[in-house]
Amino acid sequence: MMHRRWALLPALAVAAVLAAGASAAPPETMKLDAPVKDFALTNLWTNKPVKLSEMKGKPVVGVFISQNCDVTWRYEKRIGKLMQTYMPKGVKFLAVRSSATDTAEGIKKYAEAKSFTMPLLYDEKNAVADYFKAQVTPTFFVVDGQGTLRYWGSADDNPEEAEVKKTYVKDALDAVLAGKQVIVKETRPFG
């Protein structure tokens, strides 16, 4: 009888751990057409924190990038074109480094070589990437001036620029700036 009781202890311990895990709330994630949770990440250019809430009143485009991702490389020119077109219209841009394979120095050199003048944010613990469900790079999001998430996904419908037929981020920005409803709110990011 004594041996049986001891044999049950590991099984009871596993059951307790499973029960504790089952009762834990899942981490909070973004929701389309809902306010975005504020975040603060260090800007690698200035070494100072950048808060999303500081940009309220202006639309924001965020893009999760990686210096080691060939799909990110294919979007470099398109990101530059978006910045050129929409920054004069008051749109703010953020690049977020969240890949475990990228170093702070490496991503800075990469962004500098591509003339990305937007804040380059360091998401060391991937908390912002987890919130935005960014599992591949590049993943884009568009937040309107009131802080509401209006679009999430790919910039367009094809990693090959010459093959692009639909421009999701551009279309979302045009709608947000015109005060209209964003038609395509979510797409599958490439990467």
N, C-alpha and C. Protein backbone atom coordinates (compact mmCIF):
# COMPACT_ATOMS: atom_id res chain seq x y z
N MET A 1 0.83 -1.19 0.00
CA MET A 1 0.00 0.00 0.00
C MET A 1 0.87 1.26 0.00
N MET A 2 1.92 1.22 0.77
CA MET A 2 2.81 2.37 0.83
C MET A 2 3.42 2.67 -0.53
N HIS A 3 3.80 1.67 -1.29
CA HIS A 3 4.42 1.87 -2.59
C HIS A 3 3.44 2.49 -3.58
N ARG A 4 2.20 2.13 -3.49
CA ARG A 4 1.20 2.68 -4.39
C ARG A 4 1.01 4.17 -4.21
N ARG A 5 0.99 4.62 -2.99
CA ARG A 5 0.81 6.03 -2.71
C ARG A 5 1.95 6.84 -3.34
N TRP A 6 3.18 6.36 -3.19
CA TRP A 6 4.33 7.06 -3.77
C TRP A 6 4.29 7.01 -5.29
N ALA A 7 3.76 5.98 -5.82
CA ALA A 7 3.67 5.86 -7.27
C ALA A 7 2.68 6.87 -7.86
N LEU A 8 1.69 7.24 -7.08
CA LEU A 8 0.69 8.20 -7.55
C LEU A 8 1.18 9.65 -7.51
N LEU A 9 2.18 9.93 -6.71
CA LEU A 9 2.64 11.31 -6.58
C LEU A 9 3.07 11.94 -7.90
N PRO A 10 3.89 11.28 -8.73
CA PRO A 10 4.24 11.92 -10.02
C PRO A 10 3.01 12.20 -10.88
N ALA A 11 2.07 11.29 -10.90
CA ALA A 11 0.86 11.50 -11.70
C ALA A 11 0.06 12.68 -11.16
N LEU A 12 -0.05 12.82 -9.85
CA LEU A 12 -0.76 13.95 -9.25
C LEU A 12 -0.04 15.26 -9.54
N ALA A 13 1.28 15.25 -9.51
CA ALA A 13 2.05 16.45 -9.79
C ALA A 13 1.83 16.90 -11.24
N VAL A 14 1.84 15.97 -12.17
CA VAL A 14 1.60 16.30 -13.58
C VAL A 14 0.19 16.85 -13.75
N ALA A 15 -0.79 16.24 -13.11
CA ALA A 15 -2.17 16.71 -13.21
C ALA A 15 -2.31 18.13 -12.65
N ALA A 16 -1.61 18.43 -11.56
CA ALA A 16 -1.66 19.77 -10.97
C ALA A 16 -1.06 20.80 -11.91
N VAL A 17 0.05 20.46 -12.54
CA VAL A 17 0.68 21.38 -13.49
C VAL A 17 -0.23 21.61 -14.69
N LEU A 18 -0.82 20.56 -15.22
CA LEU A 18 -1.72 20.70 -16.36
C LEU A 18 -2.94 21.54 -16.00
N ALA A 19 -3.48 21.34 -14.82
CA ALA A 19 -4.65 22.10 -14.38
C ALA A 19 -4.29 23.57 -14.23
N ALA A 20 -3.12 23.86 -13.68
CA ALA A 20 -2.68 25.25 -13.50
C ALA A 20 -2.51 25.91 -14.86
N GLY A 21 -1.93 25.20 -15.81
CA GLY A 21 -1.74 25.75 -17.16
C GLY A 21 -3.05 25.97 -17.86
N ALA A 22 -4.01 25.10 -17.65
CA ALA A 22 -5.30 25.22 -18.31
C ALA A 22 -6.07 26.43 -17.81
N SER A 23 -5.85 26.82 -16.55
CA SER A 23 -6.60 27.95 -16.01
C SER A 23 -5.94 29.29 -16.33
N ALA A 24 -4.69 29.27 -16.80
CA ALA A 24 -4.02 30.52 -17.13
C ALA A 24 -4.65 31.13 -18.39
N ALA A 25 -4.83 32.44 -18.35
CA ALA A 25 -5.43 33.13 -19.49
C ALA A 25 -4.43 33.17 -20.64
N PRO A 26 -4.92 33.01 -21.87
CA PRO A 26 -4.00 33.12 -23.02
C PRO A 26 -3.49 34.55 -23.12
N PRO A 27 -2.30 34.73 -23.69
CA PRO A 27 -1.77 36.09 -23.81
C PRO A 27 -2.68 36.95 -24.70
N GLU A 28 -2.74 38.21 -24.37
CA GLU A 28 -3.56 39.16 -25.14
C GLU A 28 -2.96 39.34 -26.53
N THR A 29 -3.82 39.35 -27.55
CA THR A 29 -3.37 39.60 -28.92
C THR A 29 -4.26 40.66 -29.56
N MET A 30 -3.76 41.20 -30.66
CA MET A 30 -4.47 42.26 -31.37
C MET A 30 -5.80 41.77 -31.92
N LYS A 31 -6.70 42.74 -32.10
CA LYS A 31 -8.00 42.45 -32.71
C LYS A 31 -8.25 43.55 -33.73
N LEU A 32 -8.67 43.15 -34.91
CA LEU A 32 -8.98 44.12 -35.96
C LEU A 32 -10.17 45.00 -35.55
N ASP A 33 -10.11 46.25 -35.97
CA ASP A 33 -11.14 47.25 -35.66
C ASP A 33 -11.33 47.47 -34.17
N ALA A 34 -10.27 47.25 -33.40
CA ALA A 34 -10.28 47.49 -31.96
C ALA A 34 -9.03 48.30 -31.60
N PRO A 35 -9.09 49.03 -30.48
CA PRO A 35 -7.90 49.78 -30.07
C PRO A 35 -6.70 48.87 -29.86
N VAL A 36 -5.54 49.37 -30.26
CA VAL A 36 -4.29 48.63 -30.11
C VAL A 36 -3.73 48.90 -28.72
N LYS A 37 -3.25 47.84 -28.10
CA LYS A 37 -2.59 47.97 -26.79
C LYS A 37 -1.31 48.79 -26.97
N ASP A 38 -1.12 49.75 -26.10
CA ASP A 38 0.07 50.59 -26.19
C ASP A 38 1.32 49.76 -25.91
N PHE A 39 2.42 50.15 -26.51
CA PHE A 39 3.70 49.52 -26.23
C PHE A 39 4.80 50.56 -26.29
N ALA A 40 5.90 50.25 -25.64
CA ALA A 40 7.10 51.09 -25.69
C ALA A 40 8.28 50.18 -25.96
N LEU A 41 9.01 50.48 -27.03
CA LEU A 41 10.22 49.72 -27.39
C LEU A 41 11.35 50.71 -27.63
N THR A 42 12.57 50.26 -27.40
CA THR A 42 13.73 51.11 -27.60
C THR A 42 14.00 51.32 -29.09
N ASN A 43 14.16 52.59 -29.46
CA ASN A 43 14.53 52.95 -30.82
C ASN A 43 16.05 52.78 -30.92
N LEU A 44 16.50 51.91 -31.78
CA LEU A 44 17.94 51.63 -31.88
C LEU A 44 18.74 52.82 -32.42
N TRP A 45 18.08 53.76 -33.10
CA TRP A 45 18.79 54.95 -33.59
C TRP A 45 19.11 55.91 -32.45
N THR A 46 18.17 56.06 -31.52
CA THR A 46 18.33 57.07 -30.46
C THR A 46 18.57 56.48 -29.08
N ASN A 47 18.36 55.19 -28.94
CA ASN A 47 18.46 54.50 -27.64
C ASN A 47 17.40 54.98 -26.65
N LYS A 48 16.33 55.57 -27.15
CA LYS A 48 15.24 56.05 -26.31
C LYS A 48 13.97 55.27 -26.65
N PRO A 49 13.07 55.15 -25.66
CA PRO A 49 11.83 54.42 -25.94
C PRO A 49 10.89 55.18 -26.88
N VAL A 50 10.19 54.43 -27.71
CA VAL A 50 9.15 54.97 -28.57
C VAL A 50 7.86 54.29 -28.13
N LYS A 51 6.85 55.12 -27.83
CA LYS A 51 5.55 54.59 -27.44
C LYS A 51 4.57 54.79 -28.59
N LEU A 52 3.79 53.77 -28.86
CA LEU A 52 2.78 53.88 -29.90
C LEU A 52 1.80 55.01 -29.58
N SER A 53 1.44 55.16 -28.31
CA SER A 53 0.46 56.19 -27.92
C SER A 53 0.96 57.61 -28.22
N GLU A 54 2.27 57.81 -28.33
CA GLU A 54 2.81 59.14 -28.66
C GLU A 54 2.50 59.53 -30.10
N MET A 55 2.08 58.58 -30.90
CA MET A 55 1.78 58.85 -32.31
C MET A 55 0.29 59.03 -32.55
N LYS A 56 -0.50 58.98 -31.50
CA LYS A 56 -1.94 59.11 -31.64
C LYS A 56 -2.27 60.41 -32.38
N GLY A 57 -3.24 60.33 -33.25
CA GLY A 57 -3.60 61.47 -34.08
C GLY A 57 -3.08 61.32 -35.50
N LYS A 58 -2.14 60.39 -35.68
CA LYS A 58 -1.56 60.12 -37.00
C LYS A 58 -1.69 58.63 -37.29
N PRO A 59 -1.96 58.26 -38.54
CA PRO A 59 -1.93 56.84 -38.89
C PRO A 59 -0.50 56.31 -38.74
N VAL A 60 -0.40 55.02 -38.39
CA VAL A 60 0.89 54.38 -38.19
C VAL A 60 0.94 53.10 -39.01
N VAL A 61 2.06 52.91 -39.72
CA VAL A 61 2.34 51.64 -40.38
C VAL A 61 3.50 51.01 -39.64
N GLY A 62 3.30 49.80 -39.16
CA GLY A 62 4.38 49.05 -38.54
C GLY A 62 4.73 47.87 -39.42
N VAL A 63 6.03 47.53 -39.44
CA VAL A 63 6.47 46.37 -40.21
C VAL A 63 7.52 45.62 -39.40
N PHE A 64 7.29 44.35 -39.21
CA PHE A 64 8.26 43.48 -38.56
C PHE A 64 9.26 43.04 -39.62
N ILE A 65 10.54 43.31 -39.38
CA ILE A 65 11.57 43.01 -40.38
C ILE A 65 12.67 42.13 -39.79
N SER A 66 13.43 41.53 -40.68
CA SER A 66 14.60 40.75 -40.30
C SER A 66 15.69 40.95 -41.34
N GLN A 67 16.89 41.18 -40.89
CA GLN A 67 18.02 41.35 -41.80
C GLN A 67 18.37 40.06 -42.52
N ASN A 68 17.91 38.92 -42.00
CA ASN A 68 18.25 37.61 -42.55
C ASN A 68 17.12 36.98 -43.36
N CYS A 69 16.08 37.74 -43.65
CA CYS A 69 14.90 37.18 -44.33
C CYS A 69 14.88 37.62 -45.79
N ASP A 70 14.90 36.67 -46.69
CA ASP A 70 14.89 37.01 -48.11
C ASP A 70 13.57 37.64 -48.55
N VAL A 71 12.49 37.37 -47.84
CA VAL A 71 11.22 38.02 -48.19
C VAL A 71 11.26 39.49 -47.76
N THR A 72 11.84 39.77 -46.60
CA THR A 72 12.03 41.17 -46.19
C THR A 72 12.85 41.89 -47.25
N TRP A 73 13.90 41.26 -47.75
CA TRP A 73 14.74 41.88 -48.77
C TRP A 73 13.92 42.24 -50.00
N ARG A 74 12.96 41.39 -50.38
CA ARG A 74 12.15 41.66 -51.57
C ARG A 74 11.20 42.84 -51.37
N TYR A 75 10.94 43.20 -50.11
CA TYR A 75 10.02 44.30 -49.83
C TYR A 75 10.74 45.61 -49.51
N GLU A 76 12.05 45.64 -49.54
CA GLU A 76 12.80 46.85 -49.18
C GLU A 76 12.37 48.06 -50.01
N LYS A 77 12.34 47.92 -51.32
CA LYS A 77 11.98 49.05 -52.19
C LYS A 77 10.53 49.46 -51.98
N ARG A 78 9.66 48.48 -51.78
CA ARG A 78 8.24 48.80 -51.58
C ARG A 78 8.02 49.54 -50.27
N ILE A 79 8.76 49.16 -49.24
CA ILE A 79 8.68 49.89 -47.97
C ILE A 79 9.15 51.32 -48.18
N GLY A 80 10.25 51.48 -48.89
CA GLY A 80 10.77 52.82 -49.19
C GLY A 80 9.77 53.66 -49.97
N LYS A 81 9.09 53.06 -50.94
CA LYS A 81 8.09 53.78 -51.73
C LYS A 81 6.89 54.19 -50.87
N LEU A 82 6.46 53.29 -49.99
CA LEU A 82 5.36 53.63 -49.08
C LEU A 82 5.75 54.83 -48.21
N MET A 83 6.96 54.79 -47.67
CA MET A 83 7.42 55.89 -46.82
C MET A 83 7.47 57.20 -47.62
N GLN A 84 8.00 57.15 -48.82
CA GLN A 84 8.10 58.33 -49.67
C GLN A 84 6.72 58.92 -49.98
N THR A 85 5.76 58.06 -50.23
CA THR A 85 4.42 58.51 -50.59
C THR A 85 3.62 59.00 -49.38
N TYR A 86 3.71 58.29 -48.25
CA TYR A 86 2.78 58.55 -47.15
C TYR A 86 3.34 59.36 -45.99
N MET A 87 4.65 59.43 -45.82
CA MET A 87 5.18 60.27 -44.74
C MET A 87 4.82 61.74 -44.94
N PRO A 88 4.86 62.28 -46.17
CA PRO A 88 4.43 63.67 -46.36
C PRO A 88 2.95 63.89 -46.04
N LYS A 89 2.17 62.82 -46.00
CA LYS A 89 0.74 62.91 -45.67
C LYS A 89 0.50 62.74 -44.17
N GLY A 90 1.58 62.67 -43.39
CA GLY A 90 1.46 62.57 -41.93
C GLY A 90 1.48 61.17 -41.38
N VAL A 91 1.66 60.17 -42.21
CA VAL A 91 1.69 58.78 -41.73
C VAL A 91 3.05 58.51 -41.09
N LYS A 92 3.02 57.86 -39.94
CA LYS A 92 4.24 57.47 -39.22
C LYS A 92 4.56 56.02 -39.57
N PHE A 93 5.82 55.72 -39.64
CA PHE A 93 6.29 54.36 -39.93
C PHE A 93 7.18 53.87 -38.80
N LEU A 94 7.05 52.58 -38.49
CA LEU A 94 7.89 51.92 -37.49
C LEU A 94 8.39 50.60 -38.05
N ALA A 95 9.66 50.32 -37.88
CA ALA A 95 10.19 48.99 -38.19
C ALA A 95 10.47 48.31 -36.87
N VAL A 96 10.07 47.05 -36.74
CA VAL A 96 10.25 46.32 -35.49
C VAL A 96 11.13 45.10 -35.75
N ARG A 97 12.23 45.02 -35.03
CA ARG A 97 13.11 43.86 -35.08
C ARG A 97 12.66 42.91 -33.99
N SER A 98 12.31 41.71 -34.38
CA SER A 98 11.90 40.74 -33.37
C SER A 98 12.45 39.35 -33.64
N SER A 99 13.24 39.19 -34.69
CA SER A 99 13.80 37.88 -35.02
C SER A 99 14.96 37.55 -34.09
N ALA A 100 14.94 36.37 -33.53
CA ALA A 100 16.01 35.95 -32.63
C ALA A 100 17.35 35.84 -33.35
N THR A 101 17.33 35.76 -34.67
CA THR A 101 18.59 35.63 -35.41
C THR A 101 19.22 36.99 -35.72
N ASP A 102 18.53 38.08 -35.45
CA ASP A 102 19.06 39.42 -35.71
C ASP A 102 19.62 40.03 -34.43
N THR A 103 20.77 40.66 -34.54
CA THR A 103 21.33 41.40 -33.42
C THR A 103 20.94 42.86 -33.57
N ALA A 104 21.04 43.60 -32.48
CA ALA A 104 20.73 45.03 -32.53
C ALA A 104 21.66 45.73 -33.52
N GLU A 105 22.95 45.43 -33.48
CA GLU A 105 23.91 46.05 -34.40
C GLU A 105 23.65 45.64 -35.84
N GLY A 106 23.36 44.36 -36.05
CA GLY A 106 23.12 43.86 -37.40
C GLY A 106 21.90 44.49 -38.04
N ILE A 107 20.81 44.60 -37.29
CA ILE A 107 19.59 45.17 -37.86
C ILE A 107 19.76 46.67 -38.10
N LYS A 108 20.55 47.33 -37.26
CA LYS A 108 20.84 48.75 -37.49
C LYS A 108 21.61 48.95 -38.80
N LYS A 109 22.62 48.13 -39.01
CA LYS A 109 23.41 48.23 -40.25
C LYS A 109 22.53 47.95 -41.46
N TYR A 110 21.68 46.95 -41.35
CA TYR A 110 20.77 46.61 -42.45
C TYR A 110 19.84 47.79 -42.76
N ALA A 111 19.17 48.34 -41.74
CA ALA A 111 18.23 49.44 -41.94
C ALA A 111 18.93 50.69 -42.47
N GLU A 112 20.12 50.93 -41.99
CA GLU A 112 20.89 52.08 -42.47
C GLU A 112 21.24 51.92 -43.95
N ALA A 113 21.65 50.73 -44.35
CA ALA A 113 22.00 50.47 -45.75
C ALA A 113 20.79 50.63 -46.67
N LYS A 114 19.60 50.41 -46.16
CA LYS A 114 18.37 50.53 -46.96
C LYS A 114 17.72 51.90 -46.83
N SER A 115 18.37 52.80 -46.11
CA SER A 115 17.87 54.18 -45.90
C SER A 115 16.50 54.20 -45.22
N PHE A 116 16.27 53.26 -44.32
CA PHE A 116 15.03 53.27 -43.54
C PHE A 116 15.19 54.34 -42.46
N THR A 117 14.50 55.44 -42.63
CA THR A 117 14.62 56.56 -41.69
C THR A 117 13.60 56.49 -40.56
N MET A 118 12.76 55.49 -40.58
CA MET A 118 11.75 55.34 -39.54
C MET A 118 12.39 54.85 -38.25
N PRO A 119 11.72 55.02 -37.11
CA PRO A 119 12.24 54.42 -35.89
C PRO A 119 12.43 52.91 -36.07
N LEU A 120 13.53 52.42 -35.58
CA LEU A 120 13.88 51.00 -35.65
C LEU A 120 13.79 50.46 -34.24
N LEU A 121 12.73 49.73 -33.97
CA LEU A 121 12.42 49.30 -32.60
C LEU A 121 12.92 47.90 -32.32
N TYR A 122 13.44 47.72 -31.12
CA TYR A 122 14.03 46.45 -30.70
C TYR A 122 13.05 45.72 -29.78
N ASP A 123 12.45 44.67 -30.28
CA ASP A 123 11.46 43.86 -29.54
C ASP A 123 12.18 42.62 -29.00
N GLU A 124 13.06 42.85 -28.04
CA GLU A 124 13.97 41.80 -27.56
C GLU A 124 13.24 40.56 -27.05
N LYS A 125 12.13 40.74 -26.36
CA LYS A 125 11.40 39.60 -25.79
C LYS A 125 10.24 39.16 -26.68
N ASN A 126 10.11 39.73 -27.86
CA ASN A 126 9.05 39.41 -28.81
C ASN A 126 7.64 39.66 -28.28
N ALA A 127 7.51 40.51 -27.28
CA ALA A 127 6.20 40.79 -26.72
C ALA A 127 5.29 41.47 -27.73
N VAL A 128 5.81 42.44 -28.47
CA VAL A 128 5.00 43.15 -29.46
C VAL A 128 4.72 42.23 -30.64
N ALA A 129 5.71 41.45 -31.05
CA ALA A 129 5.50 40.48 -32.14
C ALA A 129 4.41 39.47 -31.75
N ASP A 130 4.44 39.00 -30.51
CA ASP A 130 3.41 38.07 -30.05
C ASP A 130 2.04 38.73 -30.06
N TYR A 131 1.97 39.97 -29.59
CA TYR A 131 0.70 40.69 -29.56
C TYR A 131 0.13 40.83 -30.97
N PHE A 132 0.99 41.16 -31.94
CA PHE A 132 0.55 41.34 -33.32
C PHE A 132 0.58 40.05 -34.13
N LYS A 133 0.80 38.93 -33.48
CA LYS A 133 0.82 37.61 -34.13
C LYS A 133 1.78 37.58 -35.32
N ALA A 134 2.90 38.26 -35.18
CA ALA A 134 3.90 38.32 -36.26
C ALA A 134 4.82 37.10 -36.14
N GLN A 135 4.59 36.13 -36.98
CA GLN A 135 5.40 34.91 -36.97
C GLN A 135 6.36 34.85 -38.15
N VAL A 136 6.18 35.72 -39.12
CA VAL A 136 7.07 35.79 -40.28
C VAL A 136 7.37 37.26 -40.57
N THR A 137 8.46 37.46 -41.31
CA THR A 137 8.80 38.82 -41.73
C THR A 137 8.81 38.86 -43.25
N PRO A 138 8.31 39.96 -43.80
CA PRO A 138 7.71 41.09 -43.12
C PRO A 138 6.21 40.87 -42.84
N THR A 139 5.77 41.34 -41.70
CA THR A 139 4.36 41.40 -41.35
C THR A 139 4.05 42.88 -41.10
N PHE A 140 2.98 43.37 -41.70
CA PHE A 140 2.60 44.78 -41.62
C PHE A 140 1.34 44.95 -40.78
N PHE A 141 1.22 46.13 -40.17
CA PHE A 141 -0.04 46.52 -39.54
C PHE A 141 -0.27 48.01 -39.77
N VAL A 142 -1.54 48.39 -39.85
CA VAL A 142 -1.92 49.79 -40.02
C VAL A 142 -2.86 50.16 -38.88
N VAL A 143 -2.50 51.22 -38.17
CA VAL A 143 -3.30 51.74 -37.06
C VAL A 143 -3.77 53.14 -37.46
N ASP A 144 -5.05 53.43 -37.27
CA ASP A 144 -5.55 54.76 -37.64
C ASP A 144 -5.16 55.79 -36.57
N GLY A 145 -5.50 57.04 -36.80
CA GLY A 145 -5.13 58.12 -35.90
C GLY A 145 -5.75 58.04 -34.52
N GLN A 146 -6.81 57.24 -34.38
CA GLN A 146 -7.44 57.07 -33.07
C GLN A 146 -6.84 55.88 -32.30
N GLY A 147 -5.90 55.18 -32.92
CA GLY A 147 -5.25 54.05 -32.25
C GLY A 147 -5.95 52.73 -32.47
N THR A 148 -6.77 52.63 -33.52
CA THR A 148 -7.51 51.41 -33.83
C THR A 148 -6.81 50.64 -34.96
N LEU A 149 -6.66 49.34 -34.77
CA LEU A 149 -6.03 48.50 -35.78
C LEU A 149 -6.99 48.33 -36.96
N ARG A 150 -6.55 48.74 -38.15
CA ARG A 150 -7.40 48.67 -39.34
C ARG A 150 -6.96 47.63 -40.35
N TYR A 151 -5.68 47.24 -40.29
CA TYR A 151 -5.19 46.23 -41.24
C TYR A 151 -4.04 45.46 -40.60
N TRP A 152 -3.93 44.16 -40.99
CA TRP A 152 -2.83 43.31 -40.56
C TRP A 152 -2.54 42.29 -41.66
N GLY A 153 -1.26 42.10 -42.00
CA GLY A 153 -0.89 41.06 -42.96
C GLY A 153 0.25 41.46 -43.86
N SER A 154 0.12 41.11 -45.12
CA SER A 154 1.15 41.38 -46.13
C SER A 154 0.96 42.76 -46.73
N ALA A 155 2.02 43.33 -47.27
CA ALA A 155 1.91 44.63 -47.93
C ALA A 155 1.07 44.54 -49.19
N ASP A 156 1.19 43.40 -49.88
CA ASP A 156 0.48 43.22 -51.13
C ASP A 156 0.29 41.72 -51.39
N ASP A 157 -0.07 41.37 -52.61
CA ASP A 157 -0.44 39.98 -52.89
C ASP A 157 0.66 39.12 -53.49
N ASN A 158 1.89 39.66 -53.60
CA ASN A 158 2.94 38.85 -54.21
C ASN A 158 4.32 39.32 -53.77
N PRO A 159 5.18 38.42 -53.31
CA PRO A 159 6.54 38.83 -52.94
C PRO A 159 7.35 39.35 -54.12
N GLU A 160 6.97 38.97 -55.33
CA GLU A 160 7.65 39.47 -56.53
C GLU A 160 6.96 40.75 -56.97
N GLU A 161 7.67 41.86 -56.86
CA GLU A 161 7.06 43.18 -57.12
C GLU A 161 6.40 43.29 -58.49
N ALA A 162 7.01 42.72 -59.51
CA ALA A 162 6.46 42.80 -60.87
C ALA A 162 5.13 42.07 -61.01
N GLU A 163 4.84 41.16 -60.09
CA GLU A 163 3.62 40.35 -60.15
C GLU A 163 2.47 40.89 -59.28
N VAL A 164 2.68 42.00 -58.59
CA VAL A 164 1.69 42.54 -57.65
C VAL A 164 0.46 43.04 -58.39
N LYS A 165 -0.71 42.60 -57.90
CA LYS A 165 -1.98 43.07 -58.45
C LYS A 165 -2.82 43.80 -57.39
N LYS A 166 -2.59 43.46 -56.11
CA LYS A 166 -3.35 44.08 -55.02
C LYS A 166 -2.37 44.66 -54.00
N THR A 167 -2.64 45.89 -53.57
CA THR A 167 -1.75 46.60 -52.65
C THR A 167 -2.48 46.87 -51.33
N TYR A 168 -2.42 45.91 -50.42
CA TYR A 168 -3.22 45.96 -49.20
C TYR A 168 -2.87 47.10 -48.25
N VAL A 169 -1.59 47.32 -47.98
CA VAL A 169 -1.21 48.40 -47.05
C VAL A 169 -1.54 49.75 -47.67
N LYS A 170 -1.22 49.94 -48.93
CA LYS A 170 -1.54 51.20 -49.62
C LYS A 170 -3.05 51.44 -49.61
N ASP A 171 -3.82 50.42 -49.93
CA ASP A 171 -5.28 50.56 -49.94
C ASP A 171 -5.82 50.90 -48.54
N ALA A 172 -5.26 50.24 -47.52
CA ALA A 172 -5.69 50.51 -46.14
C ALA A 172 -5.35 51.95 -45.76
N LEU A 173 -4.16 52.41 -46.11
CA LEU A 173 -3.77 53.79 -45.80
C LEU A 173 -4.66 54.80 -46.52
N ASP A 174 -4.93 54.55 -47.79
CA ASP A 174 -5.80 55.45 -48.54
C ASP A 174 -7.18 55.54 -47.88
N ALA A 175 -7.71 54.41 -47.45
CA ALA A 175 -9.02 54.41 -46.80
C ALA A 175 -8.96 55.15 -45.46
N VAL A 176 -7.96 54.87 -44.66
CA VAL A 176 -7.82 55.52 -43.35
C VAL A 176 -7.69 57.04 -43.53
N LEU A 177 -6.85 57.46 -44.46
CA LEU A 177 -6.65 58.90 -44.68
C LEU A 177 -7.91 59.59 -45.21
N ALA A 178 -8.75 58.84 -45.93
CA ALA A 178 -10.00 59.39 -46.47
C ALA A 178 -11.16 59.25 -45.49
N GLY A 179 -10.90 58.63 -44.33
CA GLY A 179 -11.97 58.42 -43.35
C GLY A 179 -12.97 57.37 -43.78
N LYS A 180 -12.53 56.44 -44.61
CA LYS A 180 -13.41 55.38 -45.11
C LYS A 180 -13.07 54.05 -44.46
N GLN A 181 -13.96 53.09 -44.67
CA GLN A 181 -13.78 51.74 -44.16
C GLN A 181 -12.69 51.02 -44.96
N VAL A 182 -11.81 50.30 -44.29
CA VAL A 182 -10.82 49.48 -44.97
C VAL A 182 -11.54 48.22 -45.45
N ILE A 183 -11.43 47.93 -46.74
CA ILE A 183 -12.14 46.79 -47.33
C ILE A 183 -11.46 45.47 -46.96
N VAL A 184 -10.19 45.32 -47.31
CA VAL A 184 -9.45 44.09 -46.96
C VAL A 184 -8.70 44.39 -45.66
N LYS A 185 -9.11 43.75 -44.59
CA LYS A 185 -8.57 44.03 -43.26
C LYS A 185 -7.46 43.08 -42.84
N GLU A 186 -7.42 41.91 -43.44
CA GLU A 186 -6.43 40.91 -43.00
C GLU A 186 -6.05 40.02 -44.18
N THR A 187 -4.75 39.78 -44.29
CA THR A 187 -4.24 38.86 -45.30
C THR A 187 -3.15 38.01 -44.65
N ARG A 188 -2.73 37.00 -45.36
CA ARG A 188 -1.66 36.13 -44.85
C ARG A 188 -0.31 36.72 -45.26
N PRO A 189 0.56 37.05 -44.27
CA PRO A 189 1.88 37.57 -44.62
C PRO A 189 2.76 36.50 -45.25
N PHE A 190 3.63 36.91 -46.17
CA PHE A 190 4.60 36.00 -46.75
C PHE A 190 5.80 35.93 -45.80
N GLY A 191 6.62 34.93 -45.93
CA GLY A 191 7.83 34.87 -45.12
C GLY A 191 8.14 33.47 -44.70
